[in-house]
Amino acid sequence: MTNVIVSWSFTDGVDSRCVTPSGGSNSCGVHIHVGTSCDVADNVGGHFYNADLLDSDPWTLGAPYIYATGMARVEHGYAPSENFGHVVVVHDYDGTRVSCGVITHS
């Protein structure tokens, strides 16, 4: 199975509590979601992973995916190119979605 590497850099607006996650769902996470637009919050959907290949959601593994780290290596059952057009979501310390953007070619 192929890993996808998600990397990021934030210059401001980050939740200072996110040096370590709270232990709650999605706390301080950066995750690829199934949605293809950030225009309507309900359309962002859940985490993007191939449930036919994986027994559980790889985006809920905690600390490797918090935004303080700046990078996550995730085996989510899809080739890297299959992520384009999906959204990436940033969650705050409480797990609330605080930012969203569509993944495009750079």
PDB file of N, CA and C in Angstrom:
ATOM      1  N   MET A   1       0.840  -1.171   0.000  1.00  0.00           N
ATOM      2  CA  MET A   1       0.000   0.000   0.000  1.00  0.00           C
ATOM      3  C   MET A   1       0.892   1.242   0.000  1.00  0.00           C
ATOM      4  N   THR A   2       0.441   2.303  -0.615  1.00  0.00           N
ATOM      5  CA  THR A   2       1.209   3.527  -0.753  1.00  0.00           C
ATOM      6  C   THR A   2       0.919   4.490   0.386  1.00  0.00           C
ATOM      7  N   ASN A   3       1.973   5.125   0.899  1.00  0.00           N
ATOM      8  CA  ASN A   3       1.806   6.190   1.881  1.00  0.00           C
ATOM      9  C   ASN A   3       1.598   7.504   1.165  1.00  0.00           C
ATOM     10  N   VAL A   4       0.861   8.391   1.779  1.00  0.00           N
ATOM     11  CA  VAL A   4       0.776   9.754   1.309  1.00  0.00           C
ATOM     12  C   VAL A   4       1.431  10.614   2.384  1.00  0.00           C
ATOM     13  N   ILE A   5       2.205  11.587   1.952  1.00  0.00           N
ATOM     14  CA  ILE A   5       2.840  12.494   2.899  1.00  0.00           C
ATOM     15  C   ILE A   5       2.133  13.829   2.795  1.00  0.00           C
ATOM     16  N   VAL A   6       1.602  14.279   3.894  1.00  0.00           N
ATOM     17  CA  VAL A   6       0.934  15.565   3.979  1.00  0.00           C
ATOM     18  C   VAL A   6       1.844  16.463   4.796  1.00  0.00           C
ATOM     19  N   SER A   7       2.234  17.608   4.245  1.00  0.00           N
ATOM     20  CA  SER A   7       3.071  18.523   5.016  1.00  0.00           C
ATOM     21  C   SER A   7       2.455  19.909   4.992  1.00  0.00           C
ATOM     22  N   TRP A   8       2.781  20.708   6.007  1.00  0.00           N
ATOM     23  CA  TRP A   8       2.176  22.017   6.141  1.00  0.00           C
ATOM     24  C   TRP A   8       3.082  22.915   6.959  1.00  0.00           C
ATOM     25  N   SER A   9       2.817  24.203   6.856  1.00  0.00           N
ATOM     26  CA  SER A   9       3.508  25.198   7.651  1.00  0.00           C
ATOM     27  C   SER A   9       2.520  26.319   7.928  1.00  0.00           C
ATOM     28  N   PHE A  10       2.357  26.656   9.186  1.00  0.00           N
ATOM     29  CA  PHE A  10       1.464  27.734   9.562  1.00  0.00           C
ATOM     30  C   PHE A  10       2.299  28.874  10.137  1.00  0.00           C
ATOM     31  N   THR A  11       1.981  30.092   9.741  1.00  0.00           N
ATOM     32  CA  THR A  11       2.717  31.244  10.258  1.00  0.00           C
ATOM     33  C   THR A  11       1.950  31.973  11.345  1.00  0.00           C
ATOM     34  N   ASP A  12       0.636  31.808  11.384  1.00  0.00           N
ATOM     35  CA  ASP A  12      -0.150  32.428  12.446  1.00  0.00           C
ATOM     36  C   ASP A  12      -1.501  31.735  12.555  1.00  0.00           C
ATOM     37  N   GLY A  13      -2.221  32.062  13.605  1.00  0.00           N
ATOM     38  CA  GLY A  13      -3.562  31.541  13.761  1.00  0.00           C
ATOM     39  C   GLY A  13      -3.651  30.128  14.309  1.00  0.00           C
ATOM     40  N   VAL A  14      -2.527  29.550  14.715  1.00  0.00           N
ATOM     41  CA  VAL A  14      -2.591  28.189  15.240  1.00  0.00           C
ATOM     42  C   VAL A  14      -2.981  28.201  16.711  1.00  0.00           C
ATOM     43  N   ASP A  15      -3.580  27.140  17.161  1.00  0.00           N
ATOM     44  CA  ASP A  15      -3.992  26.994  18.545  1.00  0.00           C
ATOM     45  C   ASP A  15      -2.758  26.626  19.361  1.00  0.00           C
ATOM     46  N   SER A  16      -2.326  27.516  20.243  1.00  0.00           N
ATOM     47  CA  SER A  16      -1.088  27.301  21.005  1.00  0.00           C
ATOM     48  C   SER A  16      -1.154  26.072  21.902  1.00  0.00           C
ATOM     49  N   ARG A  17      -2.348  25.573  22.181  1.00  0.00           N
ATOM     50  CA  ARG A  17      -2.491  24.372  23.003  1.00  0.00           C
ATOM     51  C   ARG A  17      -2.130  23.105  22.232  1.00  0.00           C
ATOM     52  N   CYS A  18      -1.939  23.215  20.936  1.00  0.00           N
ATOM     53  CA  CYS A  18      -1.736  22.040  20.096  1.00  0.00           C
ATOM     54  C   CYS A  18      -0.304  21.541  20.023  1.00  0.00           C
ATOM     55  N   VAL A  19       0.465  21.779  21.052  1.00  0.00           N
ATOM     56  CA  VAL A  19       1.771  21.135  21.150  1.00  0.00           C
ATOM     57  C   VAL A  19       1.546  19.643  21.349  1.00  0.00           C
ATOM     58  N   THR A  20       0.510  19.298  22.088  1.00  0.00           N
ATOM     59  CA  THR A  20       0.035  17.928  22.226  1.00  0.00           C
ATOM     60  C   THR A  20      -1.486  17.965  22.149  1.00  0.00           C
ATOM     61  N   PRO A  21      -2.101  16.960  21.538  1.00  0.00           N
ATOM     62  CA  PRO A  21      -3.564  16.955  21.424  1.00  0.00           C
ATOM     63  C   PRO A  21      -4.228  16.681  22.773  1.00  0.00           C
ATOM     64  N   SER A  22      -5.496  17.031  22.873  1.00  0.00           N
ATOM     65  CA  SER A  22      -6.248  16.860  24.115  1.00  0.00           C
ATOM     66  C   SER A  22      -6.599  15.408  24.399  1.00  0.00           C
ATOM     67  N   GLY A  23      -6.552  14.574  23.387  1.00  0.00           N
ATOM     68  CA  GLY A  23      -7.016  13.200  23.517  1.00  0.00           C
ATOM     69  C   GLY A  23      -8.422  13.044  22.983  1.00  0.00           C
ATOM     70  N   GLY A  24      -9.078  14.163  22.731  1.00  0.00           N
ATOM     71  CA  GLY A  24     -10.419  14.136  22.152  1.00  0.00           C
ATOM     72  C   GLY A  24     -10.371  13.894  20.658  1.00  0.00           C
ATOM     73  N   SER A  25     -11.498  13.589  20.100  1.00  0.00           N
ATOM     74  CA  SER A  25     -11.606  13.302  18.675  1.00  0.00           C
ATOM     75  C   SER A  25     -11.126  14.483  17.832  1.00  0.00           C
ATOM     76  N   ASN A  26     -10.212  14.231  16.920  1.00  0.00           N
ATOM     77  CA  ASN A  26      -9.670  15.193  15.959  1.00  0.00           C
ATOM     78  C   ASN A  26      -8.841  16.311  16.570  1.00  0.00           C
ATOM     79  N   SER A  27      -8.559  16.286  17.843  1.00  0.00           N
ATOM     80  CA  SER A  27      -7.821  17.359  18.496  1.00  0.00           C
ATOM     81  C   SER A  27      -6.510  17.649  17.769  1.00  0.00           C
ATOM     82  N   CYS A  28      -6.359  18.896  17.339  1.00  0.00           N
ATOM     83  CA  CYS A  28      -5.130  19.402  16.714  1.00  0.00           C
ATOM     84  C   CYS A  28      -4.774  18.682  15.412  1.00  0.00           C
ATOM     85  N   GLY A  29      -5.713  18.041  14.801  1.00  0.00           N
ATOM     86  CA  GLY A  29      -5.434  17.236  13.621  1.00  0.00           C
ATOM     87  C   GLY A  29      -5.402  17.999  12.312  1.00  0.00           C
ATOM     88  N   VAL A  30      -4.673  17.452  11.378  1.00  0.00           N
ATOM     89  CA  VAL A  30      -4.683  17.866   9.975  1.00  0.00           C
ATOM     90  C   VAL A  30      -5.012  16.599   9.205  1.00  0.00           C
ATOM     91  N   HIS A  31      -6.158  16.582   8.540  1.00  0.00           N
ATOM     92  CA  HIS A  31      -6.644  15.362   7.905  1.00  0.00           C
ATOM     93  C   HIS A  31      -7.185  15.653   6.514  1.00  0.00           C
ATOM     94  N   ILE A  32      -7.028  14.708   5.605  1.00  0.00           N
ATOM     95  CA  ILE A  32      -7.699  14.777   4.309  1.00  0.00           C
ATOM     96  C   ILE A  32      -9.102  14.214   4.513  1.00  0.00           C
ATOM     97  N   HIS A  33     -10.093  14.918   3.981  1.00  0.00           N
ATOM     98  CA  HIS A  33     -11.491  14.510   4.108  1.00  0.00           C
ATOM     99  C   HIS A  33     -12.053  14.118   2.743  1.00  0.00           C
ATOM    100  N   VAL A  34     -13.207  13.467   2.739  1.00  0.00           N
ATOM    101  CA  VAL A  34     -13.804  12.966   1.497  1.00  0.00           C
ATOM    102  C   VAL A  34     -14.380  14.070   0.633  1.00  0.00           C
ATOM    103  N   GLY A  35     -14.732  15.193   1.215  1.00  0.00           N
ATOM    104  CA  GLY A  35     -15.369  16.274   0.464  1.00  0.00           C
ATOM    105  C   GLY A  35     -14.458  16.888  -0.583  1.00  0.00           C
ATOM    106  N   THR A  36     -15.064  17.623  -1.499  1.00  0.00           N
ATOM    107  CA  THR A  36     -14.318  18.276  -2.578  1.00  0.00           C
ATOM    108  C   THR A  36     -14.526  19.786  -2.578  1.00  0.00           C
ATOM    109  N   SER A  37     -15.181  20.307  -1.544  1.00  0.00           N
ATOM    110  CA  SER A  37     -15.409  21.737  -1.425  1.00  0.00           C
ATOM    111  C   SER A  37     -15.533  22.097   0.042  1.00  0.00           C
ATOM    112  N   CYS A  38     -15.096  23.294   0.379  1.00  0.00           N
ATOM    113  CA  CYS A  38     -15.216  23.800   1.745  1.00  0.00           C
ATOM    114  C   CYS A  38     -16.393  24.753   1.888  1.00  0.00           C
ATOM    115  N   ASP A  39     -17.150  24.960   0.817  1.00  0.00           N
ATOM    116  CA  ASP A  39     -18.228  25.955   0.814  1.00  0.00           C
ATOM    117  C   ASP A  39     -19.341  25.648   1.806  1.00  0.00           C
ATOM    118  N   VAL A  40     -19.659  24.373   2.004  1.00  0.00           N
ATOM    119  CA  VAL A  40     -20.715  23.954   2.927  1.00  0.00           C
ATOM    120  C   VAL A  40     -20.101  22.950   3.900  1.00  0.00           C
ATOM    121  N   ALA A  41     -20.100  23.298   5.194  1.00  0.00           N
ATOM    122  CA  ALA A  41     -19.428  22.460   6.194  1.00  0.00           C
ATOM    123  C   ALA A  41     -19.907  21.014   6.175  1.00  0.00           C
ATOM    124  N   ASP A  42     -21.199  20.796   5.967  1.00  0.00           N
ATOM    125  CA  ASP A  42     -21.728  19.431   5.966  1.00  0.00           C
ATOM    126  C   ASP A  42     -21.214  18.599   4.791  1.00  0.00           C
ATOM    127  N   ASN A  43     -20.726  19.258   3.742  1.00  0.00           N
ATOM    128  CA  ASN A  43     -20.238  18.544   2.559  1.00  0.00           C
ATOM    129  C   ASN A  43     -18.756  18.180   2.644  1.00  0.00           C
ATOM    130  N   VAL A  44     -18.066  18.617   3.698  1.00  0.00           N
ATOM    131  CA  VAL A  44     -16.654  18.284   3.871  1.00  0.00           C
ATOM    132  C   VAL A  44     -16.503  16.789   4.149  1.00  0.00           C
ATOM    133  N   GLY A  45     -17.466  16.225   4.849  1.00  0.00           N
ATOM    134  CA  GLY A  45     -17.492  14.790   5.100  1.00  0.00           C
ATOM    135  C   GLY A  45     -16.452  14.331   6.098  1.00  0.00           C
ATOM    136  N   GLY A  46     -16.332  13.032   6.212  1.00  0.00           N
ATOM    137  CA  GLY A  46     -15.397  12.416   7.150  1.00  0.00           C
ATOM    138  C   GLY A  46     -14.016  12.256   6.555  1.00  0.00           C
ATOM    139  N   HIS A  47     -13.184  11.558   7.275  1.00  0.00           N
ATOM    140  CA  HIS A  47     -11.799  11.341   6.845  1.00  0.00           C
ATOM    141  C   HIS A  47     -11.747  10.474   5.596  1.00  0.00           C
ATOM    142  N   PHE A  48     -10.806  10.807   4.709  1.00  0.00           N
ATOM    143  CA  PHE A  48     -10.630  10.128   3.431  1.00  0.00           C
ATOM    144  C   PHE A  48      -9.673   8.953   3.604  1.00  0.00           C
ATOM    145  N   TYR A  49     -10.229   7.752   3.552  1.00  0.00           N
ATOM    146  CA  TYR A  49      -9.415   6.540   3.567  1.00  0.00           C
ATOM    147  C   TYR A  49     -10.225   5.418   2.926  1.00  0.00           C
ATOM    148  N   ASN A  50      -9.531   4.401   2.458  1.00  0.00           N
ATOM    149  CA  ASN A  50     -10.156   3.305   1.746  1.00  0.00           C
ATOM    150  C   ASN A  50     -10.589   2.218   2.731  1.00  0.00           C
ATOM    151  N   ALA A  51     -11.860   2.252   3.102  1.00  0.00           N
ATOM    152  CA  ALA A  51     -12.400   1.295   4.082  1.00  0.00           C
ATOM    153  C   ALA A  51     -12.425  -0.133   3.545  1.00  0.00           C
ATOM    154  N   ASP A  52     -12.301  -0.300   2.224  1.00  0.00           N
ATOM    155  CA  ASP A  52     -12.234  -1.649   1.661  1.00  0.00           C
ATOM    156  C   ASP A  52     -10.872  -2.311   1.941  1.00  0.00           C
ATOM    157  N   LEU A  53      -9.845  -1.485   2.156  1.00  0.00           N
ATOM    158  CA  LEU A  53      -8.501  -2.009   2.402  1.00  0.00           C
ATOM    159  C   LEU A  53      -8.068  -1.913   3.861  1.00  0.00           C
ATOM    160  N   LEU A  54      -8.668  -0.990   4.592  1.00  0.00           N
ATOM    161  CA  LEU A  54      -8.230  -0.724   5.964  1.00  0.00           C
ATOM    162  C   LEU A  54      -9.339  -1.036   6.961  1.00  0.00           C
ATOM    163  N   ASP A  55      -8.952  -1.594   8.092  1.00  0.00           N
ATOM    164  CA  ASP A  55      -9.913  -1.940   9.134  1.00  0.00           C
ATOM    165  C   ASP A  55     -10.357  -0.746   9.966  1.00  0.00           C
ATOM    166  N   SER A  56      -9.517   0.311  10.010  1.00  0.00           N
ATOM    167  CA  SER A  56      -9.858   1.472  10.829  1.00  0.00           C
ATOM    168  C   SER A  56      -9.339   2.753  10.186  1.00  0.00           C
ATOM    169  N   ASP A  57      -9.824   3.864  10.652  1.00  0.00           N
ATOM    170  CA  ASP A  57      -9.481   5.193  10.148  1.00  0.00           C
ATOM    171  C   ASP A  57      -8.047   5.542  10.551  1.00  0.00           C
ATOM    172  N   PRO A  58      -7.119   5.649   9.585  1.00  0.00           N
ATOM    173  CA  PRO A  58      -5.732   5.940   9.925  1.00  0.00           C
ATOM    174  C   PRO A  58      -5.507   7.380  10.380  1.00  0.00           C
ATOM    175  N   TRP A  59      -6.482   8.250  10.149  1.00  0.00           N
ATOM    176  CA  TRP A  59      -6.347   9.657  10.536  1.00  0.00           C
ATOM    177  C   TRP A  59      -6.616   9.880  12.018  1.00  0.00           C
ATOM    178  N   THR A  60      -7.019   8.866  12.742  1.00  0.00           N
ATOM    179  CA  THR A  60      -7.330   9.039  14.158  1.00  0.00           C
ATOM    180  C   THR A  60      -6.222   8.505  15.063  1.00  0.00           C
ATOM    181  N   LEU A  61      -5.031   8.385  14.528  1.00  0.00           N
ATOM    182  CA  LEU A  61      -3.935   7.797  15.298  1.00  0.00           C
ATOM    183  C   LEU A  61      -3.251   8.786  16.236  1.00  0.00           C
ATOM    184  N   GLY A  62      -3.687  10.032  16.285  1.00  0.00           N
ATOM    185  CA  GLY A  62      -3.193  10.968  17.285  1.00  0.00           C
ATOM    186  C   GLY A  62      -1.960  11.745  16.905  1.00  0.00           C
ATOM    187  N   ALA A  63      -0.984  11.759  17.792  1.00  0.00           N
ATOM    188  CA  ALA A  63       0.148  12.677  17.738  1.00  0.00           C
ATOM    189  C   ALA A  63       0.864  12.798  16.391  1.00  0.00           C
ATOM    190  N   PRO A  64       1.059  11.736  15.593  1.00  0.00           N
ATOM    191  CA  PRO A  64       1.759  11.945  14.322  1.00  0.00           C
ATOM    192  C   PRO A  64       1.031  12.893  13.375  1.00  0.00           C
ATOM    193  N   TYR A  65      -0.245  13.148  13.628  1.00  0.00           N
ATOM    194  CA  TYR A  65      -1.026  13.947  12.703  1.00  0.00           C
ATOM    195  C   TYR A  65      -1.428  15.302  13.266  1.00  0.00           C
ATOM    196  N   ILE A  66      -0.858  15.705  14.396  1.00  0.00           N
ATOM    197  CA  ILE A  66      -1.178  17.019  14.919  1.00  0.00           C
ATOM    198  C   ILE A  66      -0.386  18.075  14.159  1.00  0.00           C
ATOM    199  N   TYR A  67      -0.921  19.282  14.074  1.00  0.00           N
ATOM    200  CA  TYR A  67      -0.268  20.246  13.216  1.00  0.00           C
ATOM    201  C   TYR A  67       1.014  20.811  13.784  1.00  0.00           C
ATOM    202  N   ALA A  68       1.320  20.594  15.031  1.00  0.00           N
ATOM    203  CA  ALA A  68       2.603  21.043  15.576  1.00  0.00           C
ATOM    204  C   ALA A  68       3.778  20.310  14.918  1.00  0.00           C
ATOM    205  N   THR A  69       3.536  19.109  14.385  1.00  0.00           N
ATOM    206  CA  THR A  69       4.623  18.334  13.801  1.00  0.00           C
ATOM    207  C   THR A  69       5.009  18.812  12.409  1.00  0.00           C
ATOM    208  N   GLY A  70       4.065  19.393  11.664  1.00  0.00           N
ATOM    209  CA  GLY A  70       4.353  19.895  10.328  1.00  0.00           C
ATOM    210  C   GLY A  70       4.298  18.861   9.220  1.00  0.00           C
ATOM    211  N   MET A  71       4.127  17.578   9.568  1.00  0.00           N
ATOM    212  CA  MET A  71       4.056  16.562   8.531  1.00  0.00           C
ATOM    213  C   MET A  71       3.388  15.305   9.071  1.00  0.00           C
ATOM    214  N   ALA A  72       2.712  14.616   8.181  1.00  0.00           N
ATOM    215  CA  ALA A  72       2.156  13.309   8.520  1.00  0.00           C
ATOM    216  C   ALA A  72       2.397  12.361   7.356  1.00  0.00           C
ATOM    217  N   ARG A  73       2.766  11.145   7.672  1.00  0.00           N
ATOM    218  CA  ARG A  73       2.904  10.089   6.668  1.00  0.00           C
ATOM    219  C   ARG A  73       1.774   9.112   6.957  1.00  0.00           C
ATOM    220  N   VAL A  74       0.833   9.020   6.039  1.00  0.00           N
ATOM    221  CA  VAL A  74      -0.389   8.259   6.289  1.00  0.00           C
ATOM    222  C   VAL A  74      -0.589   7.195   5.225  1.00  0.00           C
ATOM    223  N   GLU A  75      -0.825   5.979   5.649  1.00  0.00           N
ATOM    224  CA  GLU A  75      -1.199   4.906   4.748  1.00  0.00           C
ATOM    225  C   GLU A  75      -2.722   4.833   4.797  1.00  0.00           C
ATOM    226  N   HIS A  76      -3.361   5.439   3.787  1.00  0.00           N
ATOM    227  CA  HIS A  76      -4.820   5.546   3.813  1.00  0.00           C
ATOM    228  C   HIS A  76      -5.511   4.800   2.669  1.00  0.00           C
ATOM    229  N   GLY A  77      -4.737   4.040   1.923  1.00  0.00           N
ATOM    230  CA  GLY A  77      -5.324   3.160   0.921  1.00  0.00           C
ATOM    231  C   GLY A  77      -5.542   3.773  -0.449  1.00  0.00           C
ATOM    232  N   TYR A  78      -5.050   4.979  -0.658  1.00  0.00           N
ATOM    233  CA  TYR A  78      -5.181   5.626  -1.962  1.00  0.00           C
ATOM    234  C   TYR A  78      -3.807   6.096  -2.434  1.00  0.00           C
ATOM    235  N   ALA A  79      -3.632   6.147  -3.740  1.00  0.00           N
ATOM    236  CA  ALA A  79      -2.407   6.688  -4.318  1.00  0.00           C
ATOM    237  C   ALA A  79      -2.371   8.194  -4.077  1.00  0.00           C
ATOM    238  N   PRO A  80      -1.184   8.784  -3.998  1.00  0.00           N
ATOM    239  CA  PRO A  80      -1.095  10.228  -3.771  1.00  0.00           C
ATOM    240  C   PRO A  80      -1.928  11.059  -4.740  1.00  0.00           C
ATOM    241  N   SER A  81      -1.965  10.672  -6.006  1.00  0.00           N
ATOM    242  CA  SER A  81      -2.723  11.449  -7.001  1.00  0.00           C
ATOM    243  C   SER A  81      -4.227  11.435  -6.742  1.00  0.00           C
ATOM    244  N   GLU A  82      -4.713  10.446  -5.994  1.00  0.00           N
ATOM    245  CA  GLU A  82      -6.147  10.360  -5.709  1.00  0.00           C
ATOM    246  C   GLU A  82      -6.608  11.359  -4.641  1.00  0.00           C
ATOM    247  N   ASN A  83      -5.671  12.062  -4.037  1.00  0.00           N
ATOM    248  CA  ASN A  83      -6.012  13.067  -3.034  1.00  0.00           C
ATOM    249  C   ASN A  83      -6.399  14.404  -3.649  1.00  0.00           C
ATOM    250  N   PHE A  84      -5.928  14.648  -4.869  1.00  0.00           N
ATOM    251  CA  PHE A  84      -6.235  15.925  -5.512  1.00  0.00           C
ATOM    252  C   PHE A  84      -7.737  16.095  -5.658  1.00  0.00           C
ATOM    253  N   GLY A  85      -8.213  17.294  -5.320  1.00  0.00           N
ATOM    254  CA  GLY A  85      -9.638  17.593  -5.399  1.00  0.00           C
ATOM    255  C   GLY A  85     -10.370  17.368  -4.091  1.00  0.00           C
ATOM    256  N   HIS A  86      -9.757  16.632  -3.173  1.00  0.00           N
ATOM    257  CA  HIS A  86     -10.352  16.463  -1.844  1.00  0.00           C
ATOM    258  C   HIS A  86      -9.916  17.624  -0.955  1.00  0.00           C
ATOM    259  N   VAL A  87     -10.556  17.757   0.195  1.00  0.00           N
ATOM    260  CA  VAL A  87     -10.215  18.858   1.092  1.00  0.00           C
ATOM    261  C   VAL A  87      -9.314  18.376   2.220  1.00  0.00           C
ATOM    262  N   VAL A  88      -8.484  19.289   2.694  1.00  0.00           N
ATOM    263  CA  VAL A  88      -7.695  19.051   3.897  1.00  0.00           C
ATOM    264  C   VAL A  88      -8.253  19.984   4.963  1.00  0.00           C
ATOM    265  N   VAL A  89      -8.431  19.450   6.164  1.00  0.00           N
ATOM    266  CA  VAL A  89      -9.050  20.185   7.253  1.00  0.00           C
ATOM    267  C   VAL A  89      -8.088  20.271   8.436  1.00  0.00           C
ATOM    268  N   VAL A  90      -8.040  21.441   9.063  1.00  0.00           N
ATOM    269  CA  VAL A  90      -7.277  21.651  10.284  1.00  0.00           C
ATOM    270  C   VAL A  90      -8.279  21.753  11.430  1.00  0.00           C
ATOM    271  N   HIS A  91      -8.004  21.024  12.498  1.00  0.00           N
ATOM    272  CA  HIS A  91      -8.852  21.030  13.692  1.00  0.00           C
ATOM    273  C   HIS A  91      -8.109  21.717  14.840  1.00  0.00           C
ATOM    274  N   ASP A  92      -8.846  22.424  15.706  1.00  0.00           N
ATOM    275  CA  ASP A  92      -8.215  23.044  16.863  1.00  0.00           C
ATOM    276  C   ASP A  92      -8.102  22.050  18.017  1.00  0.00           C
ATOM    277  N   TYR A  93      -7.678  22.540  19.160  1.00  0.00           N
ATOM    278  CA  TYR A  93      -7.464  21.691  20.332  1.00  0.00           C
ATOM    279  C   TYR A  93      -8.709  20.916  20.735  1.00  0.00           C
ATOM    280  N   ASP A  94      -9.868  21.532  20.552  1.00  0.00           N
ATOM    281  CA  ASP A  94     -11.134  20.889  20.911  1.00  0.00           C
ATOM    282  C   ASP A  94     -11.670  19.970  19.820  1.00  0.00           C
ATOM    283  N   GLY A  95     -10.990  19.907  18.671  1.00  0.00           N
ATOM    284  CA  GLY A  95     -11.416  19.060  17.567  1.00  0.00           C
ATOM    285  C   GLY A  95     -12.311  19.759  16.568  1.00  0.00           C
ATOM    286  N   THR A  96     -12.612  21.038  16.797  1.00  0.00           N
ATOM    287  CA  THR A  96     -13.448  21.816  15.886  1.00  0.00           C
ATOM    288  C   THR A  96     -12.687  22.107  14.593  1.00  0.00           C
ATOM    289  N   ARG A  97     -13.375  22.020  13.477  1.00  0.00           N
ATOM    290  CA  ARG A  97     -12.769  22.383  12.194  1.00  0.00           C
ATOM    291  C   ARG A  97     -12.563  23.894  12.159  1.00  0.00           C
ATOM    292  N   VAL A  98     -11.323  24.314  11.941  1.00  0.00           N
ATOM    293  CA  VAL A  98     -11.024  25.744  11.931  1.00  0.00           C
ATOM    294  C   VAL A  98     -10.492  26.234  10.594  1.00  0.00           C
ATOM    295  N   SER A  99     -10.121  25.327   9.721  1.00  0.00           N
ATOM    296  CA  SER A  99      -9.627  25.725   8.409  1.00  0.00           C
ATOM    297  C   SER A  99      -9.848  24.581   7.428  1.00  0.00           C
ATOM    298  N   CYS A 100     -10.036  24.953   6.174  1.00  0.00           N
ATOM    299  CA  CYS A 100     -10.316  23.958   5.140  1.00  0.00           C
ATOM    300  C   CYS A 100      -9.803  24.474   3.804  1.00  0.00           C
ATOM    301  N   GLY A 101      -9.243  23.601   3.002  1.00  0.00           N
ATOM    302  CA  GLY A 101      -8.788  23.978   1.666  1.00  0.00           C
ATOM    303  C   GLY A 101      -8.793  22.761   0.760  1.00  0.00           C
ATOM    304  N   VAL A 102      -8.969  23.011  -0.531  1.00  0.00           N
ATOM    305  CA  VAL A 102      -8.979  21.948  -1.531  1.00  0.00           C
ATOM    306  C   VAL A 102      -7.553  21.646  -1.956  1.00  0.00           C
ATOM    307  N   ILE A 103      -7.204  20.372  -2.031  1.00  0.00           N
ATOM    308  CA  ILE A 103      -5.850  19.949  -2.440  1.00  0.00           C
ATOM    309  C   ILE A 103      -5.760  20.048  -3.963  1.00  0.00           C
ATOM    310  N   THR A 104      -4.743  20.783  -4.424  1.00  0.00           N
ATOM    311  CA  THR A 104      -4.512  20.947  -5.861  1.00  0.00           C
ATOM    312  C   THR A 104      -3.064  20.624  -6.180  1.00  0.00           C
ATOM    313  N   HIS A 105      -2.761  20.508  -7.462  1.00  0.00           N
ATOM    314  CA  HIS A 105      -1.368  20.334  -7.896  1.00  0.00           C
ATOM    315  C   HIS A 105      -0.643  21.630  -7.623  1.00  0.00           C
ATOM    316  N   SER A 106       0.626  21.528  -7.254  1.00  0.00           N
ATOM    317  CA  SER A 106       1.388  22.758  -7.020  1.00  0.00           C
ATOM    318  C   SER A 106       2.341  23.017  -8.151  1.00  0.00           C
TER     319      SER A 106
END
